[in-house]
């Protein structure tokens, strides 16, 4: 979503057509959310065939993968929303928020999530660490957007 919308947003931002920038941004975000819903559903509903592509679902590793897919599916919507939003900020030349949100979803939130969540809640913490990191980043993006785009 970000790569497809980026040239349209960037061109129109430079041209001064801010209505087109807003409409393209809305389409990109809506498409990202719909795509996230579809991917999340695929991860939930297709976890056996998806696992079976790489591992036998009868194996120990296959069983672990099948049980982890629902947790991983939780990150589908915030992940794609974050990528689309970061692409938007890049498109309009907002380097600082773009870099900030990229860092939030990686070293700032993800590494502590991987270190703290398994200790706090066990093995499930490993599987939800990515979703927690992406969700926290999405909340920060929304807060930034609402503060700066009233």
C-alpha atoms as a PDB file:
ATOM      1  CA  UNK A   1       0.000   0.000   0.000  1.00  0.00           C
ATOM      2  CA  UNK A   2       2.764   2.403   0.944  1.00  0.00           C
ATOM      3  CA  UNK A   3       4.756   1.921  -2.252  1.00  0.00           C
ATOM      4  CA  UNK A   4       1.722   2.271  -4.495  1.00  0.00           C
ATOM      5  CA  UNK A   5       0.403   5.396  -2.758  1.00  0.00           C
ATOM      6  CA  UNK A   6       3.758   7.061  -2.204  1.00  0.00           C
ATOM      7  CA  UNK A   7       4.311   8.540  -5.706  1.00  0.00           C
ATOM      8  CA  UNK A   8       0.708   9.771  -5.927  1.00  0.00           C
ATOM      9  CA  UNK A   9       0.843  11.400  -2.499  1.00  0.00           C
ATOM     10  CA  UNK A  10       4.308  12.824  -3.068  1.00  0.00           C
ATOM     11  CA  UNK A  11       3.472  14.326  -6.482  1.00  0.00           C
ATOM     12  CA  UNK A  12       0.212  15.869  -5.291  1.00  0.00           C
ATOM     13  CA  UNK A  13       1.781  17.171  -2.096  1.00  0.00           C
ATOM     14  CA  UNK A  14       4.462  18.917  -4.138  1.00  0.00           C
ATOM     15  CA  UNK A  15       1.842  20.201  -6.574  1.00  0.00           C
ATOM     16  CA  UNK A  16      -0.205  21.568  -3.673  1.00  0.00           C
ATOM     17  CA  UNK A  17      -3.264  19.408  -4.280  1.00  0.00           C
ATOM     18  CA  UNK A  18      -3.829  18.561  -0.618  1.00  0.00           C
ATOM     19  CA  UNK A  19      -7.348  17.238  -1.251  1.00  0.00           C
ATOM     20  CA  UNK A  20      -5.867  14.566  -3.507  1.00  0.00           C
ATOM     21  CA  UNK A  21      -3.211  13.833  -0.869  1.00  0.00           C
ATOM     22  CA  UNK A  22      -5.916  13.295   1.767  1.00  0.00           C
ATOM     23  CA  UNK A  23      -8.087  11.152  -0.489  1.00  0.00           C
ATOM     24  CA  UNK A  24      -5.133   8.979  -1.529  1.00  0.00           C
ATOM     25  CA  UNK A  25      -4.082   8.622   2.089  1.00  0.00           C
ATOM     26  CA  UNK A  26      -7.614   7.533   3.050  1.00  0.00           C
ATOM     27  CA  UNK A  27      -7.722   4.959   0.257  1.00  0.00           C
ATOM     28  CA  UNK A  28      -4.286   3.630   1.230  1.00  0.00           C
ATOM     29  CA  UNK A  29      -5.217   3.315   4.917  1.00  0.00           C
ATOM     30  CA  UNK A  30      -8.593   1.702   4.159  1.00  0.00           C
ATOM     31  CA  UNK A  31      -6.934  -0.719   1.735  1.00  0.00           C
ATOM     32  CA  UNK A  32      -4.284  -1.499   4.342  1.00  0.00           C
ATOM     33  CA  UNK A  33      -6.900  -2.259   6.994  1.00  0.00           C
ATOM     34  CA  UNK A  34      -8.934  -4.448   4.628  1.00  0.00           C
ATOM     35  CA  UNK A  35      -5.757  -6.263   3.551  1.00  0.00           C
ATOM     36  CA  UNK A  36      -4.820  -6.742   7.198  1.00  0.00           C
ATOM     37  CA  UNK A  37      -8.231  -8.242   7.922  1.00  0.00           C
ATOM     38  CA  UNK A  38      -7.863 -10.617   4.979  1.00  0.00           C
ATOM     39  CA  UNK A  39      -4.325 -11.624   5.982  1.00  0.00           C
ATOM     40  CA  UNK A  40      -5.373 -12.107   9.598  1.00  0.00           C
ATOM     41  CA  UNK A  41      -8.266 -14.297   8.476  1.00  0.00           C
ATOM     42  CA  UNK A  42      -5.941 -16.309   6.232  1.00  0.00           C
ATOM     43  CA  UNK A  43      -3.527 -16.833   9.109  1.00  0.00           C
ATOM     44  CA  UNK A  44      -6.377 -17.997  11.328  1.00  0.00           C
ATOM     45  CA  UNK A  45      -8.336 -20.086   8.853  1.00  0.00           C
ATOM     46  CA  UNK A  46      -5.415 -21.354   6.792  1.00  0.00           C
ATOM     47  CA  UNK A  47      -2.928 -22.103   9.503  1.00  0.00           C
ATOM     48  CA  UNK A  48      -2.854 -25.849   8.749  1.00  0.00           C
ATOM     49  CA  UNK A  49      -2.263 -25.604   4.984  1.00  0.00           C
ATOM     50  CA  UNK A  50       0.151 -22.681   5.424  1.00  0.00           C
ATOM     51  CA  UNK A  51       2.166 -24.651   7.962  1.00  0.00           C
ATOM     52  CA  UNK A  52       2.043 -27.744   5.789  1.00  0.00           C
ATOM     53  CA  UNK A  53       3.860 -25.871   3.007  1.00  0.00           C
ATOM     54  CA  UNK A  54       7.004 -25.811   5.145  1.00  0.00           C
ATOM     55  CA  UNK A  55       6.522 -28.411   7.876  1.00  0.00           C
ATOM     56  CA  UNK A  56       4.432 -31.462   8.460  1.00  0.00           C
ATOM     57  CA  UNK A  57       1.584 -30.409  10.736  1.00  0.00           C
ATOM     58  CA  UNK A  58       2.039 -33.781  12.421  1.00  0.00           C
ATOM     59  CA  UNK A  59       5.547 -32.883  13.584  1.00  0.00           C
ATOM     60  CA  UNK A  60       6.367 -31.132  16.838  1.00  0.00           C
ATOM     61  CA  UNK A  61       7.520 -28.037  14.936  1.00  0.00           C
ATOM     62  CA  UNK A  62       4.366 -28.133  12.822  1.00  0.00           C
ATOM     63  CA  UNK A  63       2.175 -28.265  15.933  1.00  0.00           C
ATOM     64  CA  UNK A  64       4.011 -25.284  17.393  1.00  0.00           C
ATOM     65  CA  UNK A  65       3.595 -23.325  14.162  1.00  0.00           C
ATOM     66  CA  UNK A  66      -0.117 -24.136  13.927  1.00  0.00           C
ATOM     67  CA  UNK A  67      -0.665 -23.018  17.515  1.00  0.00           C
ATOM     68  CA  UNK A  68       1.321 -19.787  16.926  1.00  0.00           C
ATOM     69  CA  UNK A  69      -0.570 -18.632  13.814  1.00  0.00           C
ATOM     70  CA  UNK A  70      -3.546 -17.162  15.720  1.00  0.00           C
ATOM     71  CA  UNK A  71      -1.194 -15.037  17.814  1.00  0.00           C
ATOM     72  CA  UNK A  72       0.726 -13.936  14.752  1.00  0.00           C
ATOM     73  CA  UNK A  73      -2.568 -13.063  13.018  1.00  0.00           C
ATOM     74  CA  UNK A  74      -3.119 -10.384  15.669  1.00  0.00           C
ATOM     75  CA  UNK A  75      -0.399  -8.222  14.127  1.00  0.00           C
ATOM     76  CA  UNK A  76      -1.767  -8.232  10.558  1.00  0.00           C
ATOM     77  CA  UNK A  77      -3.876  -5.059  10.809  1.00  0.00           C
ATOM     78  CA  UNK A  78      -1.524  -2.881  12.874  1.00  0.00           C
ATOM     79  CA  UNK A  79       1.478  -4.065  10.828  1.00  0.00           C
ATOM     80  CA  UNK A  80       0.083  -3.037   7.469  1.00  0.00           C
ATOM     81  CA  UNK A  81      -1.426   0.151   8.934  1.00  0.00           C
ATOM     82  CA  UNK A  82       2.010   1.100  10.299  1.00  0.00           C
ATOM     83  CA  UNK A  83       3.752   0.464   6.991  1.00  0.00           C
ATOM     84  CA  UNK A  84       1.151   2.497   5.075  1.00  0.00           C
ATOM     85  CA  UNK A  85       1.385   5.337   7.604  1.00  0.00           C
ATOM     86  CA  UNK A  86       5.172   5.419   7.561  1.00  0.00           C
ATOM     87  CA  UNK A  87       4.998   5.530   3.757  1.00  0.00           C
ATOM     88  CA  UNK A  88       2.599   8.475   3.975  1.00  0.00           C
ATOM     89  CA  UNK A  89       4.951  10.446   6.207  1.00  0.00           C
ATOM     90  CA  UNK A  90       7.836   9.686   3.833  1.00  0.00           C
ATOM     91  CA  UNK A  91       5.715  10.871   0.894  1.00  0.00           C
ATOM     92  CA  UNK A  92       5.073  14.294   2.388  1.00  0.00           C
ATOM     93  CA  UNK A  93       8.670  14.780   3.493  1.00  0.00           C
ATOM     94  CA  UNK A  94       8.060  14.226   7.208  1.00  0.00           C
ATOM     95  CA  UNK A  95      11.329  12.447   7.871  1.00  0.00           C
ATOM     96  CA  UNK A  96      11.312  12.678  11.676  1.00  0.00           C
ATOM     97  CA  UNK A  97       7.944  10.945  12.248  1.00  0.00           C
ATOM     98  CA  UNK A  98       8.745   8.377   9.581  1.00  0.00           C
ATOM     99  CA  UNK A  99      12.037   7.432  11.226  1.00  0.00           C
ATOM    100  CA  UNK A 100      10.521   7.612  14.710  1.00  0.00           C
ATOM    101  CA  UNK A 101       7.700   5.195  13.850  1.00  0.00           C
ATOM    102  CA  UNK A 102      10.109   2.848  12.075  1.00  0.00           C
ATOM    103  CA  UNK A 103      12.252   2.780  15.209  1.00  0.00           C
ATOM    104  CA  UNK A 104       9.227   2.319  17.478  1.00  0.00           C
ATOM    105  CA  UNK A 105       8.119  -0.821  15.650  1.00  0.00           C
ATOM    106  CA  UNK A 106      11.633  -2.250  15.810  1.00  0.00           C
ATOM    107  CA  UNK A 107      14.153  -1.644  18.549  1.00  0.00           C
ATOM    108  CA  UNK A 108      11.999   0.541  20.804  1.00  0.00           C
ATOM    109  CA  UNK A 109       8.957  -1.735  21.220  1.00  0.00           C
ATOM    110  CA  UNK A 110       9.837  -5.075  19.628  1.00  0.00           C
ATOM    111  CA  UNK A 111      13.048  -5.895  21.475  1.00  0.00           C
ATOM    112  CA  UNK A 112      11.611  -5.124  24.935  1.00  0.00           C
ATOM    113  CA  UNK A 113       8.454  -7.072  24.014  1.00  0.00           C
ATOM    114  CA  UNK A 114      10.541 -10.124  23.125  1.00  0.00           C
ATOM    115  CA  UNK A 115      12.521  -9.775  26.339  1.00  0.00           C
ATOM    116  CA  UNK A 116       9.734  -8.938  28.803  1.00  0.00           C
ATOM    117  CA  UNK A 117       6.582 -10.693  27.597  1.00  0.00           C
ATOM    118  CA  UNK A 118       7.879 -14.296  27.768  1.00  0.00           C
ATOM    119  CA  UNK A 119       9.086 -13.631  31.316  1.00  0.00           C
ATOM    120  CA  UNK A 120       5.745 -12.102  32.280  1.00  0.00           C
ATOM    121  CA  UNK A 121       3.304 -14.499  30.584  1.00  0.00           C
ATOM    122  CA  UNK A 122       5.336 -17.440  29.323  1.00  0.00           C
ATOM    123  CA  UNK A 123       5.628 -18.842  25.803  1.00  0.00           C
ATOM    124  CA  UNK A 124       2.567 -16.939  24.613  1.00  0.00           C
ATOM    125  CA  UNK A 125       4.610 -13.783  25.189  1.00  0.00           C
ATOM    126  CA  UNK A 126       6.978 -14.829  22.415  1.00  0.00           C
ATOM    127  CA  UNK A 127       4.111 -15.183  19.951  1.00  0.00           C
ATOM    128  CA  UNK A 128       2.363 -11.920  20.820  1.00  0.00           C
ATOM    129  CA  UNK A 129       5.515  -9.771  21.048  1.00  0.00           C
ATOM    130  CA  UNK A 130       5.282  -8.710  17.400  1.00  0.00           C
ATOM    131  CA  UNK A 131       1.574  -7.894  17.707  1.00  0.00           C
ATOM    132  CA  UNK A 132       2.158  -5.872  20.883  1.00  0.00           C
ATOM    133  CA  UNK A 133       4.986  -3.921  19.218  1.00  0.00           C
ATOM    134  CA  UNK A 134       2.914  -3.201  16.106  1.00  0.00           C
ATOM    135  CA  UNK A 135      -0.157  -2.250  18.144  1.00  0.00           C
ATOM    136  CA  UNK A 136       1.821   0.126  20.361  1.00  0.00           C
ATOM    137  CA  UNK A 137       3.330   1.733  17.255  1.00  0.00           C
ATOM    138  CA  UNK A 138      -0.128   2.075  15.669  1.00  0.00           C
ATOM    139  CA  UNK A 139      -1.396   3.827  18.804  1.00  0.00           C
ATOM    140  CA  UNK A 140       1.553   6.249  18.629  1.00  0.00           C
ATOM    141  CA  UNK A 141       0.905   6.919  14.937  1.00  0.00           C
ATOM    142  CA  UNK A 142      -2.776   7.615  15.624  1.00  0.00           C
ATOM    143  CA  UNK A 143      -1.901   9.937  18.523  1.00  0.00           C
ATOM    144  CA  UNK A 144       0.598  11.813  16.358  1.00  0.00           C
ATOM    145  CA  UNK A 145      -1.857  12.059  13.475  1.00  0.00           C
ATOM    146  CA  UNK A 146      -4.698  13.353  15.658  1.00  0.00           C
ATOM    147  CA  UNK A 147      -2.423  15.900  17.301  1.00  0.00           C
ATOM    148  CA  UNK A 148      -1.015  17.253  14.026  1.00  0.00           C
ATOM    149  CA  UNK A 149      -3.942  16.866  11.612  1.00  0.00           C
ATOM    150  CA  UNK A 150      -6.895  18.463  13.353  1.00  0.00           C
END
